[in-house]
Amino acid sequence: MRRNIRRLFWIEAGLAAISGLLALITPIFPDWIELVPGWDPDQHDGSVERLIIIGLFVVAVALAAAAAIEWRRSPFAASTLPGVRHRDFEKRSRQNMQSDERRAFSRQ
């Protein structure tokens, strides 16, 4: 079965993973922020690094939530997740039930 997931899901999931990874790496190696751009906004105070950790974590959670919403919109997920149904799936289910009832009635 081919998954019909839009490109937006993959972009959101990838950016969420990168943001989450950076949020986890920053407390361990806080100097990467000063090494990459060559800019030291807090003169080795560490306050900007803490704000960046919080910001990266918020961005990672928001992007993960957006990716989850996008995943639930796909027809593949609608047919596999419990409690979530796709309109076409429901229509086919109703048609199958009606045809089964007709067959059962005709046998009597």
C-alpha atoms as a PDB file:
ATOM      1  CA  MET A   1       0.000   0.000   0.000  1.00  0.00           C
ATOM      2  CA  ARG A   2       1.370   3.382  -0.942  1.00  0.00           C
ATOM      3  CA  ARG A   3       1.243   6.096   1.668  1.00  0.00           C
ATOM      4  CA  ASN A   4      -0.246   9.344   0.427  1.00  0.00           C
ATOM      5  CA  ILE A   5       1.445  11.655   2.870  1.00  0.00           C
ATOM      6  CA  ARG A   6       2.011  15.200   1.753  1.00  0.00           C
ATOM      7  CA  ARG A   7       5.449  16.758   1.563  1.00  0.00           C
ATOM      8  CA  LEU A   8       4.493  19.173   4.341  1.00  0.00           C
ATOM      9  CA  PHE A   9       4.473  16.289   6.843  1.00  0.00           C
ATOM     10  CA  TRP A  10       8.046  15.350   5.999  1.00  0.00           C
ATOM     11  CA  ILE A  11       9.230  18.971   6.212  1.00  0.00           C
ATOM     12  CA  GLU A  12       7.562  19.462   9.598  1.00  0.00           C
ATOM     13  CA  ALA A  13       8.827  16.139  10.950  1.00  0.00           C
ATOM     14  CA  GLY A  14      12.381  16.838   9.763  1.00  0.00           C
ATOM     15  CA  LEU A  15      12.477  20.323  11.225  1.00  0.00           C
ATOM     16  CA  ALA A  16      11.006  19.026  14.498  1.00  0.00           C
ATOM     17  CA  ALA A  17      13.753  16.400  14.681  1.00  0.00           C
ATOM     18  CA  ILE A  18      16.497  18.938  13.967  1.00  0.00           C
ATOM     19  CA  SER A  19      15.106  21.412  16.520  1.00  0.00           C
ATOM     20  CA  GLY A  20      14.751  18.688  19.125  1.00  0.00           C
ATOM     21  CA  LEU A  21      18.287  17.470  18.506  1.00  0.00           C
ATOM     22  CA  LEU A  22      19.688  20.979  18.841  1.00  0.00           C
ATOM     23  CA  ALA A  23      17.662  21.490  22.041  1.00  0.00           C
ATOM     24  CA  LEU A  24      19.261  18.328  23.455  1.00  0.00           C
ATOM     25  CA  ILE A  25      22.799  19.159  22.304  1.00  0.00           C
ATOM     26  CA  THR A  26      22.802  22.765  23.526  1.00  0.00           C
ATOM     27  CA  PRO A  27      22.914  22.010  27.303  1.00  0.00           C
ATOM     28  CA  ILE A  28      25.786  19.572  26.720  1.00  0.00           C
ATOM     29  CA  PHE A  29      27.787  21.794  24.333  1.00  0.00           C
ATOM     30  CA  PRO A  30      26.530  25.356  24.877  1.00  0.00           C
ATOM     31  CA  ASP A  31      29.487  26.916  23.069  1.00  0.00           C
ATOM     32  CA  TRP A  32      28.334  25.664  19.662  1.00  0.00           C
ATOM     33  CA  ILE A  33      26.066  28.710  19.481  1.00  0.00           C
ATOM     34  CA  GLU A  34      29.044  31.029  19.775  1.00  0.00           C
ATOM     35  CA  LEU A  35      31.267  28.957  17.456  1.00  0.00           C
ATOM     36  CA  VAL A  36      28.861  28.609  14.516  1.00  0.00           C
ATOM     37  CA  PRO A  37      27.959  32.276  13.895  1.00  0.00           C
ATOM     38  CA  GLY A  38      31.096  33.685  15.588  1.00  0.00           C
ATOM     39  CA  TRP A  39      28.952  35.909  17.772  1.00  0.00           C
ATOM     40  CA  ASP A  40      28.949  36.084  21.585  1.00  0.00           C
ATOM     41  CA  PRO A  41      25.840  37.997  22.656  1.00  0.00           C
ATOM     42  CA  ASP A  42      26.152  37.385  26.397  1.00  0.00           C
ATOM     43  CA  GLN A  43      29.956  37.358  26.883  1.00  0.00           C
ATOM     44  CA  HIS A  44      29.977  33.733  28.156  1.00  0.00           C
ATOM     45  CA  ASP A  45      27.146  34.379  30.618  1.00  0.00           C
ATOM     46  CA  GLY A  46      24.986  31.498  29.341  1.00  0.00           C
ATOM     47  CA  SER A  47      21.671  33.350  29.489  1.00  0.00           C
ATOM     48  CA  VAL A  48      21.230  33.453  25.712  1.00  0.00           C
ATOM     49  CA  GLU A  49      21.967  29.734  25.497  1.00  0.00           C
ATOM     50  CA  ARG A  50      19.171  29.025  27.987  1.00  0.00           C
ATOM     51  CA  LEU A  51      16.744  31.121  25.958  1.00  0.00           C
ATOM     52  CA  ILE A  52      17.781  29.324  22.795  1.00  0.00           C
ATOM     53  CA  ILE A  53      17.211  25.926  24.472  1.00  0.00           C
ATOM     54  CA  ILE A  54      13.702  26.971  25.487  1.00  0.00           C
ATOM     55  CA  GLY A  55      12.994  28.364  22.020  1.00  0.00           C
ATOM     56  CA  LEU A  56      14.259  25.240  20.251  1.00  0.00           C
ATOM     57  CA  PHE A  57      12.178  23.022  22.525  1.00  0.00           C
ATOM     58  CA  VAL A  58       9.029  25.073  21.861  1.00  0.00           C
ATOM     59  CA  VAL A  59       9.660  24.987  18.111  1.00  0.00           C
ATOM     60  CA  ALA A  60      10.275  21.214  18.200  1.00  0.00           C
ATOM     61  CA  VAL A  61       7.017  20.568  20.082  1.00  0.00           C
ATOM     62  CA  ALA A  62       5.019  22.864  17.784  1.00  0.00           C
ATOM     63  CA  LEU A  63       6.434  21.268  14.623  1.00  0.00           C
ATOM     64  CA  ALA A  64       5.861  17.764  15.985  1.00  0.00           C
ATOM     65  CA  ALA A  65       2.237  18.671  16.715  1.00  0.00           C
ATOM     66  CA  ALA A  66       1.818  20.118  13.217  1.00  0.00           C
ATOM     67  CA  ALA A  67       3.359  16.957  11.700  1.00  0.00           C
ATOM     68  CA  ALA A  68       0.981  14.795  13.760  1.00  0.00           C
ATOM     69  CA  ILE A  69      -1.993  16.784  12.485  1.00  0.00           C
ATOM     70  CA  GLU A  70      -0.735  16.395   8.922  1.00  0.00           C
ATOM     71  CA  TRP A  71      -0.269  12.639   9.462  1.00  0.00           C
ATOM     72  CA  ARG A  72      -3.865  12.300  10.646  1.00  0.00           C
ATOM     73  CA  ARG A  73      -5.092  14.065   7.502  1.00  0.00           C
ATOM     74  CA  SER A  74      -3.626  11.413   5.206  1.00  0.00           C
ATOM     75  CA  PRO A  75      -5.962   8.695   3.896  1.00  0.00           C
ATOM     76  CA  PHE A  76      -3.500   5.999   4.994  1.00  0.00           C
ATOM     77  CA  ALA A  77      -3.585   7.118   8.608  1.00  0.00           C
ATOM     78  CA  ALA A  78      -7.345   7.456   8.528  1.00  0.00           C
ATOM     79  CA  SER A  79      -7.728   3.795   7.696  1.00  0.00           C
ATOM     80  CA  THR A  80      -5.207   2.568  10.292  1.00  0.00           C
ATOM     81  CA  LEU A  81      -5.677   4.752  13.369  1.00  0.00           C
ATOM     82  CA  PRO A  82      -8.376   3.646  15.803  1.00  0.00           C
ATOM     83  CA  GLY A  83     -11.215   6.096  16.138  1.00  0.00           C
ATOM     84  CA  VAL A  84     -10.245   8.007  12.993  1.00  0.00           C
ATOM     85  CA  ARG A  85     -12.096   7.172   9.806  1.00  0.00           C
ATOM     86  CA  HIS A  86     -11.903   8.436   6.284  1.00  0.00           C
ATOM     87  CA  ARG A  87     -15.172   9.322   4.518  1.00  0.00           C
ATOM     88  CA  ASP A  88     -14.536   6.897   1.655  1.00  0.00           C
ATOM     89  CA  PHE A  89     -13.736   4.149   4.123  1.00  0.00           C
ATOM     90  CA  GLU A  90     -17.018   4.751   5.955  1.00  0.00           C
ATOM     91  CA  LYS A  91     -18.965   4.790   2.688  1.00  0.00           C
ATOM     92  CA  ARG A  92     -17.444   1.484   1.564  1.00  0.00           C
ATOM     93  CA  SER A  93     -18.147  -0.046   4.982  1.00  0.00           C
ATOM     94  CA  ARG A  94     -21.806   0.973   4.782  1.00  0.00           C
ATOM     95  CA  GLN A  95     -22.095  -0.387   1.225  1.00  0.00           C
ATOM     96  CA  ASN A  96     -20.520  -3.687   2.256  1.00  0.00           C
ATOM     97  CA  MET A  97     -22.873  -4.011   5.221  1.00  0.00           C
ATOM     98  CA  GLN A  98     -25.896  -3.303   3.032  1.00  0.00           C
ATOM     99  CA  SER A  99     -24.837  -5.867   0.431  1.00  0.00           C
ATOM    100  CA  ASP A 100     -24.237  -8.446   3.198  1.00  0.00           C
ATOM    101  CA  GLU A 101     -27.728  -7.771   4.562  1.00  0.00           C
ATOM    102  CA  ARG A 102     -29.237  -8.217   1.085  1.00  0.00           C
ATOM    103  CA  ARG A 103     -27.433 -11.522   0.621  1.00  0.00           C
ATOM    104  CA  ALA A 104     -28.567 -12.752   4.017  1.00  0.00           C
ATOM    105  CA  PHE A 105     -32.180 -11.718   3.264  1.00  0.00           C
ATOM    106  CA  SER A 106     -32.163 -13.413  -0.139  1.00  0.00           C
ATOM    107  CA  ARG A 107     -30.973 -16.703   1.372  1.00  0.00           C
ATOM    108  CA  GLN A 108     -33.959 -16.893   3.694  1.00  0.00           C
END
